[in-house]
């Protein structure tokens, strides 16, 4: 029996490399509020993020030093973590992250998952097709009679505002 022997999910990596991976993934999770990673790394990130949020919620000098020491000299990440906790996670006791499995990675068929912070609104990226369709609708609207009328009205109101601003400045 291997009592007292700590088992890691990321076996085959040295401890310094493992710690660097975890820290970099946590920084990215805090920055983007959503990351896509392998299942094993995702489970580790969820546990570590929960520990960090619990320390952050204590909001005393000792806990702040522990969180700052975890991220080193990256003060921006610490500030954003405190902002996220203050705005989105203050009313929760646990379960600060949400995970969803996705399709396997193409290159090596590794299982993947999204790890997201709860209560965060992640901006969805539009595909090229959606961008092209939106642009086509905007151009069609500008060419239509209604679009030209809106443009004319907005340009007249803008001219009136600039005249009013010039009159105020001259007084």
C-alpha atoms as a PDB file:
ATOM      1  CA  UNK A   1       0.000   0.000   0.000  1.00  0.00           C
ATOM      2  CA  UNK A   2       1.248   3.428  -0.875  1.00  0.00           C
ATOM      3  CA  UNK A   3      -0.008   5.410   2.078  1.00  0.00           C
ATOM      4  CA  UNK A   4       1.093   9.015   2.172  1.00  0.00           C
ATOM      5  CA  UNK A   5       2.249   9.006  -1.435  1.00  0.00           C
ATOM      6  CA  UNK A   6       0.631  11.864  -3.289  1.00  0.00           C
ATOM      7  CA  UNK A   7      -0.766  10.913  -6.679  1.00  0.00           C
ATOM      8  CA  UNK A   8      -0.907  13.558  -9.369  1.00  0.00           C
ATOM      9  CA  UNK A   9      -3.127  13.654 -12.384  1.00  0.00           C
ATOM     10  CA  UNK A  10      -0.337  15.047 -14.549  1.00  0.00           C
ATOM     11  CA  UNK A  11       2.133  12.223 -14.114  1.00  0.00           C
ATOM     12  CA  UNK A  12       5.318  12.255 -16.130  1.00  0.00           C
ATOM     13  CA  UNK A  13       6.048  15.914 -15.432  1.00  0.00           C
ATOM     14  CA  UNK A  14       8.406  17.315 -12.862  1.00  0.00           C
ATOM     15  CA  UNK A  15       6.878  19.289 -10.017  1.00  0.00           C
ATOM     16  CA  UNK A  16       8.216  22.639 -11.242  1.00  0.00           C
ATOM     17  CA  UNK A  17       6.763  22.048 -14.708  1.00  0.00           C
ATOM     18  CA  UNK A  18       3.441  20.939 -13.229  1.00  0.00           C
ATOM     19  CA  UNK A  19       3.260  24.034 -11.020  1.00  0.00           C
ATOM     20  CA  UNK A  20       4.082  26.302 -13.968  1.00  0.00           C
ATOM     21  CA  UNK A  21       1.320  24.741 -16.083  1.00  0.00           C
ATOM     22  CA  UNK A  22      -1.242  25.110 -13.301  1.00  0.00           C
ATOM     23  CA  UNK A  23      -0.286  28.732 -12.623  1.00  0.00           C
ATOM     24  CA  UNK A  24      -0.391  29.701 -16.291  1.00  0.00           C
ATOM     25  CA  UNK A  25      -3.785  28.040 -16.781  1.00  0.00           C
ATOM     26  CA  UNK A  26      -5.146  29.800 -13.693  1.00  0.00           C
ATOM     27  CA  UNK A  27      -3.899  33.155 -14.984  1.00  0.00           C
ATOM     28  CA  UNK A  28      -5.604  32.489 -18.310  1.00  0.00           C
ATOM     29  CA  UNK A  29      -8.838  31.426 -16.568  1.00  0.00           C
ATOM     30  CA  UNK A  30      -8.896  34.625 -14.538  1.00  0.00           C
ATOM     31  CA  UNK A  31      -8.061  36.753 -17.583  1.00  0.00           C
ATOM     32  CA  UNK A  32     -10.511  35.199 -20.069  1.00  0.00           C
ATOM     33  CA  UNK A  33     -13.025  33.648 -17.611  1.00  0.00           C
ATOM     34  CA  UNK A  34     -13.192  30.583 -19.882  1.00  0.00           C
ATOM     35  CA  UNK A  35     -10.498  28.169 -21.028  1.00  0.00           C
ATOM     36  CA  UNK A  36     -10.400  24.992 -23.068  1.00  0.00           C
ATOM     37  CA  UNK A  37      -8.020  22.334 -21.793  1.00  0.00           C
ATOM     38  CA  UNK A  38      -7.672  18.598 -21.276  1.00  0.00           C
ATOM     39  CA  UNK A  39      -9.874  16.881 -18.719  1.00  0.00           C
ATOM     40  CA  UNK A  40      -7.090  16.118 -16.222  1.00  0.00           C
ATOM     41  CA  UNK A  41      -5.754  19.672 -16.269  1.00  0.00           C
ATOM     42  CA  UNK A  42      -9.304  21.023 -16.046  1.00  0.00           C
ATOM     43  CA  UNK A  43     -10.014  19.077 -12.881  1.00  0.00           C
ATOM     44  CA  UNK A  44      -6.812  20.364 -11.292  1.00  0.00           C
ATOM     45  CA  UNK A  45      -7.610  23.949 -12.339  1.00  0.00           C
ATOM     46  CA  UNK A  46     -11.109  23.748 -10.844  1.00  0.00           C
ATOM     47  CA  UNK A  47      -9.747  22.609  -7.479  1.00  0.00           C
ATOM     48  CA  UNK A  48      -6.962  25.213  -7.408  1.00  0.00           C
ATOM     49  CA  UNK A  49      -9.302  28.027  -8.445  1.00  0.00           C
ATOM     50  CA  UNK A  50     -11.744  27.099  -5.677  1.00  0.00           C
ATOM     51  CA  UNK A  51      -8.916  27.236  -3.116  1.00  0.00           C
ATOM     52  CA  UNK A  52      -7.800  30.653  -4.413  1.00  0.00           C
ATOM     53  CA  UNK A  53     -11.318  32.071  -4.318  1.00  0.00           C
ATOM     54  CA  UNK A  54     -11.790  30.832  -0.755  1.00  0.00           C
ATOM     55  CA  UNK A  55      -8.560  32.603   0.258  1.00  0.00           C
ATOM     56  CA  UNK A  56      -9.626  35.725  -1.627  1.00  0.00           C
ATOM     57  CA  UNK A  57     -13.001  35.852   0.106  1.00  0.00           C
ATOM     58  CA  UNK A  58     -11.311  36.048   3.518  1.00  0.00           C
ATOM     59  CA  UNK A  59     -10.045  39.480   2.406  1.00  0.00           C
ATOM     60  CA  UNK A  60      -7.447  40.002   5.101  1.00  0.00           C
ATOM     61  CA  UNK A  61      -3.764  40.851   4.827  1.00  0.00           C
ATOM     62  CA  UNK A  62      -2.515  37.291   5.268  1.00  0.00           C
ATOM     63  CA  UNK A  63      -4.799  35.834   2.608  1.00  0.00           C
ATOM     64  CA  UNK A  64      -3.915  38.647   0.199  1.00  0.00           C
ATOM     65  CA  UNK A  65      -0.214  37.861   0.633  1.00  0.00           C
ATOM     66  CA  UNK A  66      -0.841  34.175  -0.048  1.00  0.00           C
ATOM     67  CA  UNK A  67      -2.738  34.978  -3.257  1.00  0.00           C
ATOM     68  CA  UNK A  68      -0.075  37.477  -4.363  1.00  0.00           C
ATOM     69  CA  UNK A  69       2.676  34.933  -3.660  1.00  0.00           C
ATOM     70  CA  UNK A  70       0.838  32.358  -5.774  1.00  0.00           C
ATOM     71  CA  UNK A  71       0.937  34.615  -8.852  1.00  0.00           C
ATOM     72  CA  UNK A  72       4.302  36.241  -8.186  1.00  0.00           C
ATOM     73  CA  UNK A  73       4.702  39.699  -9.670  1.00  0.00           C
ATOM     74  CA  UNK A  74       1.471  39.632 -11.708  1.00  0.00           C
ATOM     75  CA  UNK A  75      -0.466  42.242  -9.730  1.00  0.00           C
ATOM     76  CA  UNK A  76      -2.990  42.726 -12.558  1.00  0.00           C
ATOM     77  CA  UNK A  77      -4.150  39.115 -12.199  1.00  0.00           C
ATOM     78  CA  UNK A  78      -4.559  39.479  -8.433  1.00  0.00           C
ATOM     79  CA  UNK A  79      -6.623  42.646  -8.864  1.00  0.00           C
ATOM     80  CA  UNK A  80      -8.832  40.991 -11.475  1.00  0.00           C
ATOM     81  CA  UNK A  81      -9.321  37.952  -9.219  1.00  0.00           C
ATOM     82  CA  UNK A  82     -10.469  40.192  -6.368  1.00  0.00           C
ATOM     83  CA  UNK A  83     -12.784  42.031  -8.779  1.00  0.00           C
ATOM     84  CA  UNK A  84     -14.315  38.766 -10.036  1.00  0.00           C
ATOM     85  CA  UNK A  85     -14.845  37.496  -6.500  1.00  0.00           C
ATOM     86  CA  UNK A  86     -16.380  40.782  -5.381  1.00  0.00           C
ATOM     87  CA  UNK A  87     -18.790  41.052  -8.313  1.00  0.00           C
ATOM     88  CA  UNK A  88     -19.742  37.484  -9.171  1.00  0.00           C
ATOM     89  CA  UNK A  89     -18.769  34.967  -6.497  1.00  0.00           C
ATOM     90  CA  UNK A  90     -19.409  36.716  -3.183  1.00  0.00           C
ATOM     91  CA  UNK A  91     -22.816  35.109  -2.581  1.00  0.00           C
ATOM     92  CA  UNK A  92     -21.632  31.543  -3.326  1.00  0.00           C
ATOM     93  CA  UNK A  93     -20.129  29.119  -0.821  1.00  0.00           C
ATOM     94  CA  UNK A  94     -18.582  26.741  -3.332  1.00  0.00           C
ATOM     95  CA  UNK A  95     -18.799  25.704  -6.956  1.00  0.00           C
ATOM     96  CA  UNK A  96     -17.091  28.728  -8.447  1.00  0.00           C
ATOM     97  CA  UNK A  97     -16.388  27.048 -11.767  1.00  0.00           C
ATOM     98  CA  UNK A  98     -18.446  25.183 -14.324  1.00  0.00           C
ATOM     99  CA  UNK A  99     -17.038  22.549 -16.632  1.00  0.00           C
ATOM    100  CA  UNK A 100     -18.387  21.103 -19.841  1.00  0.00           C
ATOM    101  CA  UNK A 101     -16.805  18.364 -21.889  1.00  0.00           C
ATOM    102  CA  UNK A 102     -16.356  18.943 -25.580  1.00  0.00           C
ATOM    103  CA  UNK A 103     -15.160  17.040 -28.626  1.00  0.00           C
ATOM    104  CA  UNK A 104     -11.709  15.457 -28.539  1.00  0.00           C
ATOM    105  CA  UNK A 105      -8.726  17.364 -29.890  1.00  0.00           C
ATOM    106  CA  UNK A 106      -7.984  16.690 -33.555  1.00  0.00           C
ATOM    107  CA  UNK A 107      -4.249  16.076 -33.342  1.00  0.00           C
ATOM    108  CA  UNK A 108      -4.001  13.432 -30.633  1.00  0.00           C
ATOM    109  CA  UNK A 109      -7.663  12.696 -29.849  1.00  0.00           C
ATOM    110  CA  UNK A 110      -7.259  13.866 -26.228  1.00  0.00           C
ATOM    111  CA  UNK A 111     -10.470  14.472 -24.282  1.00  0.00           C
ATOM    112  CA  UNK A 112     -11.101  18.178 -23.757  1.00  0.00           C
ATOM    113  CA  UNK A 113     -13.309  20.344 -21.588  1.00  0.00           C
ATOM    114  CA  UNK A 114     -14.206  23.971 -21.030  1.00  0.00           C
ATOM    115  CA  UNK A 115     -13.643  25.417 -17.565  1.00  0.00           C
ATOM    116  CA  UNK A 116     -15.685  28.568 -16.963  1.00  0.00           C
ATOM    117  CA  UNK A 117     -16.204  30.873 -14.021  1.00  0.00           C
ATOM    118  CA  UNK A 118     -19.816  30.818 -12.826  1.00  0.00           C
ATOM    119  CA  UNK A 119     -21.957  33.942 -13.419  1.00  0.00           C
ATOM    120  CA  UNK A 120     -19.615  35.271 -16.089  1.00  0.00           C
ATOM    121  CA  UNK A 121     -20.725  36.334 -19.517  1.00  0.00           C
ATOM    122  CA  UNK A 122     -18.200  35.148 -22.052  1.00  0.00           C
ATOM    123  CA  UNK A 123     -18.196  36.889 -25.398  1.00  0.00           C
ATOM    124  CA  UNK A 124     -18.861  34.451 -28.181  1.00  0.00           C
ATOM    125  CA  UNK A 125     -16.630  34.652 -31.211  1.00  0.00           C
ATOM    126  CA  UNK A 126     -18.405  35.021 -34.527  1.00  0.00           C
ATOM    127  CA  UNK A 127     -17.424  32.852 -37.446  1.00  0.00           C
ATOM    128  CA  UNK A 128     -16.351  34.329 -40.765  1.00  0.00           C
ATOM    129  CA  UNK A 129     -19.728  33.508 -42.244  1.00  0.00           C
ATOM    130  CA  UNK A 130     -21.625  35.307 -39.473  1.00  0.00           C
ATOM    131  CA  UNK A 131     -19.370  38.364 -39.824  1.00  0.00           C
ATOM    132  CA  UNK A 132     -19.921  38.421 -43.589  1.00  0.00           C
ATOM    133  CA  UNK A 133     -23.690  38.132 -43.177  1.00  0.00           C
ATOM    134  CA  UNK A 134     -23.744  40.964 -40.612  1.00  0.00           C
ATOM    135  CA  UNK A 135     -21.697  43.159 -42.930  1.00  0.00           C
ATOM    136  CA  UNK A 136     -24.003  42.351 -45.838  1.00  0.00           C
ATOM    137  CA  UNK A 137     -27.045  43.370 -43.757  1.00  0.00           C
ATOM    138  CA  UNK A 138     -25.384  46.656 -42.750  1.00  0.00           C
ATOM    139  CA  UNK A 139     -24.534  47.504 -46.361  1.00  0.00           C
ATOM    140  CA  UNK A 140     -28.045  46.606 -47.526  1.00  0.00           C
ATOM    141  CA  UNK A 141     -29.529  48.785 -44.789  1.00  0.00           C
ATOM    142  CA  UNK A 142     -27.331  51.744 -45.766  1.00  0.00           C
ATOM    143  CA  UNK A 143     -28.393  51.432 -49.402  1.00  0.00           C
ATOM    144  CA  UNK A 144     -32.095  51.180 -48.661  1.00  0.00           C
ATOM    145  CA  UNK A 145     -34.340  54.246 -48.476  1.00  0.00           C
ATOM    146  CA  UNK A 146     -34.807  53.886 -44.722  1.00  0.00           C
ATOM    147  CA  UNK A 147     -31.051  53.600 -44.196  1.00  0.00           C
ATOM    148  CA  UNK A 148     -30.361  56.737 -46.241  1.00  0.00           C
ATOM    149  CA  UNK A 149     -33.045  58.659 -44.322  1.00  0.00           C
ATOM    150  CA  UNK A 150     -31.539  57.593 -40.971  1.00  0.00           C
ATOM    151  CA  UNK A 151     -28.103  58.656 -42.151  1.00  0.00           C
ATOM    152  CA  UNK A 152     -29.405  62.032 -43.317  1.00  0.00           C
ATOM    153  CA  UNK A 153     -31.267  62.660 -40.073  1.00  0.00           C
ATOM    154  CA  UNK A 154     -28.279  61.661 -37.940  1.00  0.00           C
ATOM    155  CA  UNK A 155     -25.919  63.898 -39.939  1.00  0.00           C
ATOM    156  CA  UNK A 156     -28.309  66.878 -39.561  1.00  0.00           C
ATOM    157  CA  UNK A 157     -28.597  66.347 -35.819  1.00  0.00           C
ATOM    158  CA  UNK A 158     -24.815  66.053 -35.566  1.00  0.00           C
ATOM    159  CA  UNK A 159     -24.404  69.368 -37.409  1.00  0.00           C
ATOM    160  CA  UNK A 160     -26.869  71.042 -35.046  1.00  0.00           C
ATOM    161  CA  UNK A 161     -24.971  69.731 -32.014  1.00  0.00           C
ATOM    162  CA  UNK A 162     -21.662  71.021 -33.342  1.00  0.00           C
ATOM    163  CA  UNK A 163     -23.209  74.473 -33.950  1.00  0.00           C
ATOM    164  CA  UNK A 164     -24.561  74.527 -30.380  1.00  0.00           C
ATOM    165  CA  UNK A 165     -21.154  73.526 -29.010  1.00  0.00           C
ATOM    166  CA  UNK A 166     -19.414  76.285 -30.984  1.00  0.00           C
ATOM    167  CA  UNK A 167     -21.926  78.857 -29.701  1.00  0.00           C
ATOM    168  CA  UNK A 168     -21.345  77.769 -26.110  1.00  0.00           C
ATOM    169  CA  UNK A 169     -17.584  77.958 -26.525  1.00  0.00           C
ATOM    170  CA  UNK A 170     -17.753  81.454 -27.992  1.00  0.00           C
ATOM    171  CA  UNK A 171     -19.826  82.736 -25.037  1.00  0.00           C
END
